């Protein structure tokens, strides 16, 4: 996992959704300091924390981990982008 990509993406998602670090911490059940550490690349999150981010924001693990630049699974992405 690229800490840089993960850190950047979770911060962007949090800000885009209008959440403070404190609000994000409450949503996924960690401390405010932990959110700051994850976003600054100073601490590696557990799998359960990565899953919590994925579920909360509705993005794939591949996206969070930098393995894909598409935040949604291909089928979901197609459905989202073909609605009229």
PDB file of N, CA and C in Angstrom:
ATOM      1  N   UNK A   1       0.848  -1.174   0.000  1.00  0.00           N
ATOM      2  CA  UNK A   1       0.000   0.000   0.000  1.00  0.00           C
ATOM      3  C   UNK A   1       0.890   1.232   0.000  1.00  0.00           C
ATOM      4  N   UNK A   2       0.529   2.157  -0.840  1.00  0.00           N
ATOM      5  CA  UNK A   2       1.247   3.424  -0.857  1.00  0.00           C
ATOM      6  C   UNK A   2       0.616   4.346   0.185  1.00  0.00           C
ATOM      7  N   UNK A   3       1.380   4.623   1.242  1.00  0.00           N
ATOM      8  CA  UNK A   3       0.862   5.503   2.299  1.00  0.00           C
ATOM      9  C   UNK A   3       0.482   6.866   1.731  1.00  0.00           C
ATOM     10  N   UNK A   4       1.280   7.326   0.775  1.00  0.00           N
ATOM     11  CA  UNK A   4       1.041   8.629   0.179  1.00  0.00           C
ATOM     12  C   UNK A   4      -0.317   8.692  -0.511  1.00  0.00           C
ATOM     13  N   UNK A   5      -0.610   7.696  -1.330  1.00  0.00           N
ATOM     14  CA  UNK A   5      -1.886   7.665  -2.052  1.00  0.00           C
ATOM     15  C   UNK A   5      -3.035   7.506  -1.067  1.00  0.00           C
ATOM     16  N   UNK A   6      -2.922   6.566  -0.146  1.00  0.00           N
ATOM     17  CA  UNK A   6      -3.987   6.345   0.835  1.00  0.00           C
ATOM     18  C   UNK A   6      -4.241   7.621   1.623  1.00  0.00           C
ATOM     19  N   UNK A   7      -3.205   8.230   2.133  1.00  0.00           N
ATOM     20  CA  UNK A   7      -3.335   9.443   2.932  1.00  0.00           C
ATOM     21  C   UNK A   7      -4.017  10.556   2.152  1.00  0.00           C
ATOM     22  N   UNK A   8      -3.592  10.739   0.916  1.00  0.00           N
ATOM     23  CA  UNK A   8      -4.159  11.789   0.067  1.00  0.00           C
ATOM     24  C   UNK A   8      -5.636  11.530  -0.208  1.00  0.00           C
ATOM     25  N   UNK A   9      -5.962  10.295  -0.534  1.00  0.00           N
ATOM     26  CA  UNK A   9      -7.344   9.982  -0.907  1.00  0.00           C
ATOM     27  C   UNK A   9      -8.309  10.078   0.273  1.00  0.00           C
ATOM     28  N   UNK A  10      -7.900   9.609   1.444  1.00  0.00           N
ATOM     29  CA  UNK A  10      -8.835   9.697   2.569  1.00  0.00           C
ATOM     30  C   UNK A  10      -9.045  11.148   2.996  1.00  0.00           C
ATOM     31  N   UNK A  11      -8.006  11.953   2.871  1.00  0.00           N
ATOM     32  CA  UNK A  11      -8.161  13.379   3.212  1.00  0.00           C
ATOM     33  C   UNK A  11      -9.077  14.071   2.205  1.00  0.00           C
ATOM     34  N   UNK A  12      -8.863  13.798   0.926  1.00  0.00           N
ATOM     35  CA  UNK A  12      -9.713  14.379  -0.118  1.00  0.00           C
ATOM     36  C   UNK A  12     -11.171  13.970   0.066  1.00  0.00           C
ATOM     37  N   UNK A  13     -11.403  12.693   0.357  1.00  0.00           N
ATOM     38  CA  UNK A  13     -12.770  12.221   0.567  1.00  0.00           C
ATOM     39  C   UNK A  13     -13.411  12.910   1.768  1.00  0.00           C
ATOM     40  N   UNK A  14     -12.671  13.013   2.842  1.00  0.00           N
ATOM     41  CA  UNK A  14     -13.198  13.651   4.052  1.00  0.00           C
ATOM     42  C   UNK A  14     -13.575  15.103   3.779  1.00  0.00           C
ATOM     43  N   UNK A  15     -12.683  15.831   3.141  1.00  0.00           N
ATOM     44  CA  UNK A  15     -12.924  17.242   2.858  1.00  0.00           C
ATOM     45  C   UNK A  15     -14.085  17.414   1.870  1.00  0.00           C
ATOM     46  N   UNK A  16     -14.105  16.594   0.829  1.00  0.00           N
ATOM     47  CA  UNK A  16     -15.175  16.653  -0.167  1.00  0.00           C
ATOM     48  C   UNK A  16     -16.545  16.429   0.467  1.00  0.00           C
ATOM     49  N   UNK A  17     -16.595  15.577   1.478  1.00  0.00           N
ATOM     50  CA  UNK A  17     -17.858  15.287   2.167  1.00  0.00           C
ATOM     51  C   UNK A  17     -18.133  16.250   3.322  1.00  0.00           C
ATOM     52  N   UNK A  18     -17.297  17.264   3.448  1.00  0.00           N
ATOM     53  CA  UNK A  18     -17.525  18.300   4.450  1.00  0.00           C
ATOM     54  C   UNK A  18     -17.353  17.856   5.889  1.00  0.00           C
ATOM     55  N   UNK A  19     -16.448  16.912   6.107  1.00  0.00           N
ATOM     56  CA  UNK A  19     -16.226  16.377   7.450  1.00  0.00           C
ATOM     57  C   UNK A  19     -14.936  16.920   8.059  1.00  0.00           C
ATOM     58  N   UNK A  20     -14.985  17.224   9.336  1.00  0.00           N
ATOM     59  CA  UNK A  20     -13.765  17.557  10.072  1.00  0.00           C
ATOM     60  C   UNK A  20     -13.092  16.246  10.462  1.00  0.00           C
ATOM     61  N   UNK A  21     -11.868  16.337  10.941  1.00  0.00           N
ATOM     62  CA  UNK A  21     -11.207  15.111  11.402  1.00  0.00           C
ATOM     63  C   UNK A  21     -11.956  14.519  12.590  1.00  0.00           C
ATOM     64  N   UNK A  22     -12.498  15.364  13.434  1.00  0.00           N
ATOM     65  CA  UNK A  22     -13.266  14.890  14.591  1.00  0.00           C
ATOM     66  C   UNK A  22     -14.529  14.133  14.150  1.00  0.00           C
ATOM     67  N   UNK A  23     -15.228  14.703  13.166  1.00  0.00           N
ATOM     68  CA  UNK A  23     -16.435  14.042  12.645  1.00  0.00           C
ATOM     69  C   UNK A  23     -16.085  12.696  12.010  1.00  0.00           C
ATOM     70  N   UNK A  24     -14.987  12.671  11.245  1.00  0.00           N
ATOM     71  CA  UNK A  24     -14.563  11.429  10.597  1.00  0.00           C
ATOM     72  C   UNK A  24     -14.212  10.384  11.637  1.00  0.00           C
ATOM     73  N   UNK A  25     -13.529  10.804  12.683  1.00  0.00           N
ATOM     74  CA  UNK A  25     -13.161   9.883  13.755  1.00  0.00           C
ATOM     75  C   UNK A  25     -14.396   9.240  14.367  1.00  0.00           C
ATOM     76  N   UNK A  26     -15.436  10.020  14.587  1.00  0.00           N
ATOM     77  CA  UNK A  26     -16.680   9.487  15.153  1.00  0.00           C
ATOM     78  C   UNK A  26     -17.340   8.503  14.199  1.00  0.00           C
ATOM     79  N   UNK A  27     -17.286   8.798  12.899  1.00  0.00           N
ATOM     80  CA  UNK A  27     -17.927   7.944  11.891  1.00  0.00           C
ATOM     81  C   UNK A  27     -17.291   6.554  11.824  1.00  0.00           C
ATOM     82  N   UNK A  28     -15.960   6.484  11.972  1.00  0.00           N
ATOM     83  CA  UNK A  28     -15.312   5.171  11.834  1.00  0.00           C
ATOM     84  C   UNK A  28     -14.800   4.599  13.153  1.00  0.00           C
ATOM     85  N   UNK A  29     -15.033   5.311  14.248  1.00  0.00           N
ATOM     86  CA  UNK A  29     -14.727   4.757  15.560  1.00  0.00           C
ATOM     87  C   UNK A  29     -13.269   4.787  15.986  1.00  0.00           C
ATOM     88  N   UNK A  30     -12.580   5.872  15.653  1.00  0.00           N
ATOM     89  CA  UNK A  30     -11.198   6.044  16.095  1.00  0.00           C
ATOM     90  C   UNK A  30     -11.068   7.442  16.703  1.00  0.00           C
ATOM     91  N   UNK A  31      -9.883   7.762  17.175  1.00  0.00           N
ATOM     92  CA  UNK A  31      -9.668   9.081  17.755  1.00  0.00           C
ATOM     93  C   UNK A  31      -9.376  10.116  16.662  1.00  0.00           C
ATOM     94  N   UNK A  32      -9.574  11.360  17.020  1.00  0.00           N
ATOM     95  CA  UNK A  32      -9.247  12.467  16.125  1.00  0.00           C
ATOM     96  C   UNK A  32      -7.765  12.422  15.746  1.00  0.00           C
ATOM     97  N   UNK A  33      -6.923  12.112  16.708  1.00  0.00           N
ATOM     98  CA  UNK A  33      -5.480  12.020  16.451  1.00  0.00           C
ATOM     99  C   UNK A  33      -5.170  10.926  15.428  1.00  0.00           C
ATOM    100  N   UNK A  34      -5.878   9.803  15.507  1.00  0.00           N
ATOM    101  CA  UNK A  34      -5.656   8.702  14.559  1.00  0.00           C
ATOM    102  C   UNK A  34      -5.946   9.159  13.132  1.00  0.00           C
ATOM    103  N   UNK A  35      -7.032   9.894  12.941  1.00  0.00           N
ATOM    104  CA  UNK A  35      -7.364  10.401  11.607  1.00  0.00           C
ATOM    105  C   UNK A  35      -6.216  11.275  11.094  1.00  0.00           C
ATOM    106  N   UNK A  36      -5.738  12.140  11.943  1.00  0.00           N
ATOM    107  CA  UNK A  36      -4.624  13.013  11.568  1.00  0.00           C
ATOM    108  C   UNK A  36      -3.383  12.194  11.196  1.00  0.00           C
ATOM    109  N   UNK A  37      -3.077  11.173  11.984  1.00  0.00           N
ATOM    110  CA  UNK A  37      -1.929  10.310  11.681  1.00  0.00           C
ATOM    111  C   UNK A  37      -2.103   9.604  10.335  1.00  0.00           C
ATOM    112  N   UNK A  38      -3.299   9.074  10.063  1.00  0.00           N
ATOM    113  CA  UNK A  38      -3.543   8.391   8.785  1.00  0.00           C
ATOM    114  C   UNK A  38      -3.374   9.368   7.621  1.00  0.00           C
ATOM    115  N   UNK A  39      -3.942  10.571   7.770  1.00  0.00           N
ATOM    116  CA  UNK A  39      -3.898  11.541   6.684  1.00  0.00           C
ATOM    117  C   UNK A  39      -2.499  12.107   6.457  1.00  0.00           C
ATOM    118  N   UNK A  40      -1.674  12.098   7.465  1.00  0.00           N
ATOM    119  CA  UNK A  40      -0.303  12.590   7.335  1.00  0.00           C
ATOM    120  C   UNK A  40       0.704  11.469   7.084  1.00  0.00           C
ATOM    121  N   UNK A  41       0.218  10.232   6.948  1.00  0.00           N
ATOM    122  CA  UNK A  41       1.085   9.098   6.663  1.00  0.00           C
ATOM    123  C   UNK A  41       1.984   8.694   7.818  1.00  0.00           C
ATOM    124  N   UNK A  42       1.623   9.085   9.028  1.00  0.00           N
ATOM    125  CA  UNK A  42       2.444   8.760  10.195  1.00  0.00           C
ATOM    126  C   UNK A  42       2.045   7.454  10.863  1.00  0.00           C
ATOM    127  N   UNK A  43       0.903   6.918  10.485  1.00  0.00           N
ATOM    128  CA  UNK A  43       0.451   5.653  11.059  1.00  0.00           C
ATOM    129  C   UNK A  43      -0.249   4.857   9.964  1.00  0.00           C
ATOM    130  N   UNK A  44       0.007   3.557   9.938  1.00  0.00           N
ATOM    131  CA  UNK A  44      -0.638   2.673   8.977  1.00  0.00           C
ATOM    132  C   UNK A  44      -1.924   2.122   9.597  1.00  0.00           C
ATOM    133  N   UNK A  45      -3.049   2.305   8.925  1.00  0.00           N
ATOM    134  CA  UNK A  45      -4.313   1.817   9.476  1.00  0.00           C
ATOM    135  C   UNK A  45      -4.430   0.303   9.384  1.00  0.00           C
ATOM    136  N   UNK A  46      -5.243  -0.256  10.259  1.00  0.00           N
ATOM    137  CA  UNK A  46      -5.535  -1.690  10.190  1.00  0.00           C
ATOM    138  C   UNK A  46      -6.494  -1.942   9.039  1.00  0.00           C
ATOM    139  N   UNK A  47      -6.631  -3.187   8.684  1.00  0.00           N
ATOM    140  CA  UNK A  47      -7.568  -3.547   7.626  1.00  0.00           C
ATOM    141  C   UNK A  47      -8.986  -3.122   7.998  1.00  0.00           C
ATOM    142  N   UNK A  48      -9.360  -3.271   9.251  1.00  0.00           N
ATOM    143  CA  UNK A  48     -10.722  -2.888   9.651  1.00  0.00           C
ATOM    144  C   UNK A  48     -10.954  -1.388   9.479  1.00  0.00           C
ATOM    145  N   UNK A  49      -9.937  -0.573   9.676  1.00  0.00           N
ATOM    146  CA  UNK A  49     -10.063   0.870   9.476  1.00  0.00           C
ATOM    147  C   UNK A  49     -10.177   1.181   7.981  1.00  0.00           C
ATOM    148  N   UNK A  50      -9.377   0.523   7.166  1.00  0.00           N
ATOM    149  CA  UNK A  50      -9.453   0.725   5.713  1.00  0.00           C
ATOM    150  C   UNK A  50     -10.838   0.324   5.213  1.00  0.00           C
ATOM    151  N   UNK A  51     -11.354  -0.784   5.714  1.00  0.00           N
ATOM    152  CA  UNK A  51     -12.708  -1.218   5.346  1.00  0.00           C
ATOM    153  C   UNK A  51     -13.760  -0.211   5.787  1.00  0.00           C
ATOM    154  N   UNK A  52     -13.584   0.368   6.958  1.00  0.00           N
ATOM    155  CA  UNK A  52     -14.533   1.367   7.462  1.00  0.00           C
ATOM    156  C   UNK A  52     -14.566   2.578   6.526  1.00  0.00           C
ATOM    157  N   UNK A  53     -13.398   3.020   6.085  1.00  0.00           N
ATOM    158  CA  UNK A  53     -13.346   4.127   5.118  1.00  0.00           C
ATOM    159  C   UNK A  53     -14.059   3.737   3.829  1.00  0.00           C
ATOM    160  N   UNK A  54     -13.771   2.547   3.317  1.00  0.00           N
ATOM    161  CA  UNK A  54     -14.364   2.071   2.077  1.00  0.00           C
ATOM    162  C   UNK A  54     -15.882   2.040   2.171  1.00  0.00           C
ATOM    163  N   UNK A  55     -16.398   1.489   3.246  1.00  0.00           N
ATOM    164  CA  UNK A  55     -17.850   1.399   3.422  1.00  0.00           C
ATOM    165  C   UNK A  55     -18.474   2.769   3.611  1.00  0.00           C
ATOM    166  N   UNK A  56     -17.862   3.611   4.412  1.00  0.00           N
ATOM    167  CA  UNK A  56     -18.442   4.917   4.689  1.00  0.00           C
ATOM    168  C   UNK A  56     -18.541   5.765   3.419  1.00  0.00           C
ATOM    169  N   UNK A  57     -17.476   5.799   2.630  1.00  0.00           N
ATOM    170  CA  UNK A  57     -17.461   6.633   1.440  1.00  0.00           C
ATOM    171  C   UNK A  57     -17.973   5.916   0.192  1.00  0.00           C
ATOM    172  N   UNK A  58     -18.202   4.612   0.269  1.00  0.00           N
ATOM    173  CA  UNK A  58     -18.711   3.861  -0.873  1.00  0.00           C
ATOM    174  C   UNK A  58     -17.698   3.732  -2.001  1.00  0.00           C
ATOM    175  N   UNK A  59     -16.436   3.601  -1.633  1.00  0.00           N
ATOM    176  CA  UNK A  59     -15.381   3.440  -2.639  1.00  0.00           C
ATOM    177  C   UNK A  59     -14.715   2.077  -2.453  1.00  0.00           C
ATOM    178  N   UNK A  60     -14.012   1.653  -3.479  1.00  0.00           N
ATOM    179  CA  UNK A  60     -13.361   0.349  -3.407  1.00  0.00           C
ATOM    180  C   UNK A  60     -12.065   0.420  -2.598  1.00  0.00           C
ATOM    181  N   UNK A  61     -11.671  -0.732  -2.102  1.00  0.00           N
ATOM    182  CA  UNK A  61     -10.370  -0.825  -1.433  1.00  0.00           C
ATOM    183  C   UNK A  61      -9.250  -0.525  -2.417  1.00  0.00           C
ATOM    184  N   UNK A  62      -9.402  -0.991  -3.643  1.00  0.00           N
ATOM    185  CA  UNK A  62      -8.383  -0.725  -4.670  1.00  0.00           C
ATOM    186  C   UNK A  62      -8.167   0.768  -4.840  1.00  0.00           C
ATOM    187  N   UNK A  63      -9.238   1.541  -4.823  1.00  0.00           N
ATOM    188  CA  UNK A  63      -9.118   2.987  -4.958  1.00  0.00           C
ATOM    189  C   UNK A  63      -8.367   3.571  -3.765  1.00  0.00           C
ATOM    190  N   UNK A  64      -8.773   3.196  -2.561  1.00  0.00           N
ATOM    191  CA  UNK A  64      -8.126   3.727  -1.362  1.00  0.00           C
ATOM    192  C   UNK A  64      -6.645   3.381  -1.308  1.00  0.00           C
ATOM    193  N   UNK A  65      -6.301   2.195  -1.779  1.00  0.00           N
ATOM    194  CA  UNK A  65      -4.924   1.720  -1.693  1.00  0.00           C
ATOM    195  C   UNK A  65      -4.066   2.118  -2.891  1.00  0.00           C
ATOM    196  N   UNK A  66      -4.666   2.815  -3.840  1.00  0.00           N
ATOM    197  CA  UNK A  66      -3.905   3.275  -4.991  1.00  0.00           C
ATOM    198  C   UNK A  66      -3.716   2.249  -6.088  1.00  0.00           C
ATOM    199  N   UNK A  67      -4.492   1.173  -6.052  1.00  0.00           N
ATOM    200  CA  UNK A  67      -4.396   0.141  -7.083  1.00  0.00           C
ATOM    201  C   UNK A  67      -5.276   0.458  -8.283  1.00  0.00           C
ATOM    202  N   UNK A  68      -6.181   1.409  -8.114  1.00  0.00           N
ATOM    203  CA  UNK A  68      -7.085   1.841  -9.170  1.00  0.00           C
ATOM    204  C   UNK A  68      -7.364   3.324  -8.991  1.00  0.00           C
ATOM    205  N   UNK A  69      -7.630   3.986 -10.099  1.00  0.00           N
ATOM    206  CA  UNK A  69      -8.010   5.391 -10.020  1.00  0.00           C
ATOM    207  C   UNK A  69      -9.522   5.564 -10.094  1.00  0.00           C
ATOM    208  N   UNK A  70     -10.241   4.461 -10.245  1.00  0.00           N
ATOM    209  CA  UNK A  70     -11.705   4.485 -10.272  1.00  0.00           C
ATOM    210  C   UNK A  70     -12.228   4.202  -8.866  1.00  0.00           C
ATOM    211  N   UNK A  71     -12.948   5.145  -8.261  1.00  0.00           N
ATOM    212  CA  UNK A  71     -13.422   4.931  -6.896  1.00  0.00           C
ATOM    213  C   UNK A  71     -14.527   3.883  -6.767  1.00  0.00           C
ATOM    214  N   UNK A  72     -15.263   3.643  -7.854  1.00  0.00           N
ATOM    215  CA  UNK A  72     -16.356   2.668  -7.818  1.00  0.00           C
ATOM    216  C   UNK A  72     -15.983   1.422  -8.599  1.00  0.00           C
ATOM    217  N   UNK A  73     -16.604   0.292  -8.212  1.00  0.00           N
ATOM    218  CA  UNK A  73     -16.406  -0.922  -8.999  1.00  0.00           C
ATOM    219  C   UNK A  73     -16.922  -0.659 -10.403  1.00  0.00           C
ATOM    220  N   UNK A  74     -16.384  -1.325 -11.366  1.00  0.00           N
ATOM    221  CA  UNK A  74     -16.719  -1.074 -12.775  1.00  0.00           C
ATOM    222  C   UNK A  74     -18.227  -1.088 -13.014  1.00  0.00           C
ATOM    223  N   UNK A  75     -18.937  -2.091 -12.502  1.00  0.00           N
ATOM    224  CA  UNK A  75     -20.380  -2.195 -12.725  1.00  0.00           C
ATOM    225  C   UNK A  75     -21.094  -0.986 -12.108  1.00  0.00           C
ATOM    226  N   UNK A  76     -20.735  -0.619 -10.887  1.00  0.00           N
ATOM    227  CA  UNK A  76     -21.356   0.538 -10.238  1.00  0.00           C
ATOM    228  C   UNK A  76     -21.019   1.809 -10.998  1.00  0.00           C
ATOM    229  N   UNK A  77     -19.780   1.922 -11.470  1.00  0.00           N
ATOM    230  CA  UNK A  77     -19.363   3.098 -12.219  1.00  0.00           C
ATOM    231  C   UNK A  77     -20.188   3.226 -13.490  1.00  0.00           C
ATOM    232  N   UNK A  78     -20.365   2.123 -14.211  1.00  0.00           N
ATOM    233  CA  UNK A  78     -21.159   2.156 -15.432  1.00  0.00           C
ATOM    234  C   UNK A  78     -22.594   2.545 -15.134  1.00  0.00           C
ATOM    235  N   UNK A  79     -23.182   1.981 -14.086  1.00  0.00           N
ATOM    236  CA  UNK A  79     -24.551   2.325 -13.712  1.00  0.00           C
ATOM    237  C   UNK A  79     -24.689   3.807 -13.373  1.00  0.00           C
ATOM    238  N   UNK A  80     -23.735   4.342 -12.625  1.00  0.00           N
ATOM    239  CA  UNK A  80     -23.757   5.753 -12.229  1.00  0.00           C
ATOM    240  C   UNK A  80     -23.630   6.677 -13.437  1.00  0.00           C
ATOM    241  N   UNK A  81     -22.846   6.269 -14.415  1.00  0.00           N
ATOM    242  CA  UNK A  81     -22.553   7.151 -15.536  1.00  0.00           C
ATOM    243  C   UNK A  81     -23.436   6.928 -16.758  1.00  0.00           C
ATOM    244  N   UNK A  82     -24.342   5.986 -16.698  1.00  0.00           N
ATOM    245  CA  UNK A  82     -25.243   5.756 -17.852  1.00  0.00           C
ATOM    246  C   UNK A  82     -26.683   6.111 -17.523  1.00  0.00           C
ATOM    247  N   UNK A  83     -26.930   6.618 -16.336  1.00  0.00           N
ATOM    248  CA  UNK A  83     -28.288   7.052 -15.977  1.00  0.00           C
ATOM    249  C   UNK A  83     -28.636   8.315 -16.736  1.00  0.00           C
ATOM    250  N   UNK A  84     -29.867   8.358 -17.205  1.00  0.00           N
ATOM    251  CA  UNK A  84     -30.307   9.559 -17.938  1.00  0.00           C
ATOM    252  C   UNK A  84     -31.153  10.440 -17.070  1.00  0.00           C
TER     253      UNK A  84
END
